[in-house]
Amino acid sequence: MMDGTNRPDIKPGSKVKIVQKQDQQTGRLTEGVVKDILTNSPNHPHGIKVRLESGEVGRVKEIL
């Protein structure tokens, strides 16, 4: 299983689990399909920020 800290691992259409900003305290994960990648750097210690097809935005914690 890959975590979501490396941008090259994540492509539009990838199934991922993200943590949204309001869920950071609880660690609740939201599952969805990547629409846009919002982080420009090749990696990020807290996870690459993406927008899901549902419109939700968060940092990738898991690539499914």
C-alpha atoms as a PDB file:
ATOM      1  CA  MET A   1       0.000   0.000   0.000  1.00  0.00           C
ATOM      2  CA  MET A   2       1.285   3.454  -0.883  1.00  0.00           C
ATOM      3  CA  ASP A   3       0.795   6.576   1.163  1.00  0.00           C
ATOM      4  CA  GLY A   4      -0.005   9.825  -0.590  1.00  0.00           C
ATOM      5  CA  THR A   5       3.222  11.766  -0.084  1.00  0.00           C
ATOM      6  CA  ASN A   6       4.674  11.353  -3.616  1.00  0.00           C
ATOM      7  CA  ARG A   7       2.975  13.273  -6.408  1.00  0.00           C
ATOM      8  CA  PRO A   8       4.084  10.877  -9.208  1.00  0.00           C
ATOM      9  CA  ASP A   9       2.125   8.053  -7.484  1.00  0.00           C
ATOM     10  CA  ILE A  10      -1.159   9.956  -7.861  1.00  0.00           C
ATOM     11  CA  LYS A  11      -2.985  10.408 -11.163  1.00  0.00           C
ATOM     12  CA  PRO A  12      -6.421  11.781 -12.036  1.00  0.00           C
ATOM     13  CA  GLY A  13      -8.713   8.773 -11.864  1.00  0.00           C
ATOM     14  CA  SER A  14      -6.798   7.176  -8.956  1.00  0.00           C
ATOM     15  CA  LYS A  15      -8.918   5.832  -6.091  1.00  0.00           C
ATOM     16  CA  VAL A  16      -7.656   7.352  -2.862  1.00  0.00           C
ATOM     17  CA  LYS A  17      -8.531   8.088   0.741  1.00  0.00           C
ATOM     18  CA  ILE A  18      -8.086  11.702   1.802  1.00  0.00           C
ATOM     19  CA  VAL A  19      -8.323  13.597   5.061  1.00  0.00           C
ATOM     20  CA  GLN A  20     -10.215  16.871   4.703  1.00  0.00           C
ATOM     21  CA  LYS A  21      -9.115  19.927   6.673  1.00  0.00           C
ATOM     22  CA  GLN A  22     -12.086  19.752   9.054  1.00  0.00           C
ATOM     23  CA  ASP A  23     -11.343  16.043   9.691  1.00  0.00           C
ATOM     24  CA  GLN A  24      -7.656  16.463  10.599  1.00  0.00           C
ATOM     25  CA  GLN A  25      -8.425  16.337  14.338  1.00  0.00           C
ATOM     26  CA  THR A  26     -10.418  13.100  14.070  1.00  0.00           C
ATOM     27  CA  GLY A  27      -8.431  11.550  11.209  1.00  0.00           C
ATOM     28  CA  ARG A  28     -11.669  10.611   9.410  1.00  0.00           C
ATOM     29  CA  LEU A  29     -10.884   9.519   5.854  1.00  0.00           C
ATOM     30  CA  THR A  30     -12.984  10.204   2.776  1.00  0.00           C
ATOM     31  CA  GLU A  31     -12.733   7.794  -0.156  1.00  0.00           C
ATOM     32  CA  GLY A  32     -13.020   9.003  -3.710  1.00  0.00           C
ATOM     33  CA  VAL A  33     -11.549   9.401  -7.179  1.00  0.00           C
ATOM     34  CA  VAL A  34      -8.943  12.087  -7.909  1.00  0.00           C
ATOM     35  CA  LYS A  35     -10.081  14.833 -10.270  1.00  0.00           C
ATOM     36  CA  ASP A  36      -7.299  17.430  -9.831  1.00  0.00           C
ATOM     37  CA  ILE A  37      -3.909  17.420  -8.106  1.00  0.00           C
ATOM     38  CA  LEU A  38      -3.495  20.679  -6.182  1.00  0.00           C
ATOM     39  CA  THR A  39       0.054  20.247  -4.786  1.00  0.00           C
ATOM     40  CA  ASN A  40       2.779  21.350  -7.208  1.00  0.00           C
ATOM     41  CA  SER A  41       5.808  19.981  -5.352  1.00  0.00           C
ATOM     42  CA  PRO A  42       6.882  16.375  -6.107  1.00  0.00           C
ATOM     43  CA  ASN A  43       6.254  15.310  -2.520  1.00  0.00           C
ATOM     44  CA  HIS A  44       4.687  16.593   0.687  1.00  0.00           C
ATOM     45  CA  PRO A  45       5.151  15.115   4.179  1.00  0.00           C
ATOM     46  CA  HIS A  46       1.434  15.457   5.056  1.00  0.00           C
ATOM     47  CA  GLY A  47       0.159  14.098   1.749  1.00  0.00           C
ATOM     48  CA  ILE A  48      -0.467  15.526  -1.694  1.00  0.00           C
ATOM     49  CA  LYS A  49      -3.502  17.819  -1.786  1.00  0.00           C
ATOM     50  CA  VAL A  50      -6.139  16.775  -4.323  1.00  0.00           C
ATOM     51  CA  ARG A  51      -9.695  17.557  -5.357  1.00  0.00           C
ATOM     52  CA  LEU A  52     -11.975  14.540  -5.715  1.00  0.00           C
ATOM     53  CA  GLU A  53     -14.635  14.181  -8.410  1.00  0.00           C
ATOM     54  CA  SER A  54     -17.131  14.856  -5.597  1.00  0.00           C
ATOM     55  CA  GLY A  55     -15.545  18.307  -5.137  1.00  0.00           C
ATOM     56  CA  GLU A  56     -14.043  17.492  -1.735  1.00  0.00           C
ATOM     57  CA  VAL A  57     -10.485  18.683  -1.137  1.00  0.00           C
ATOM     58  CA  GLY A  58      -7.957  17.059   1.153  1.00  0.00           C
ATOM     59  CA  ARG A  59      -4.561  15.440   1.515  1.00  0.00           C
ATOM     60  CA  VAL A  60      -4.065  11.888   0.260  1.00  0.00           C
ATOM     61  CA  LYS A  61      -3.406   9.423   3.098  1.00  0.00           C
ATOM     62  CA  GLU A  62      -3.782   6.200   1.127  1.00  0.00           C
ATOM     63  CA  ILE A  63      -3.738   5.154  -2.519  1.00  0.00           C
ATOM     64  CA  LEU A  64      -6.109   2.247  -3.085  1.00  0.00           C
END
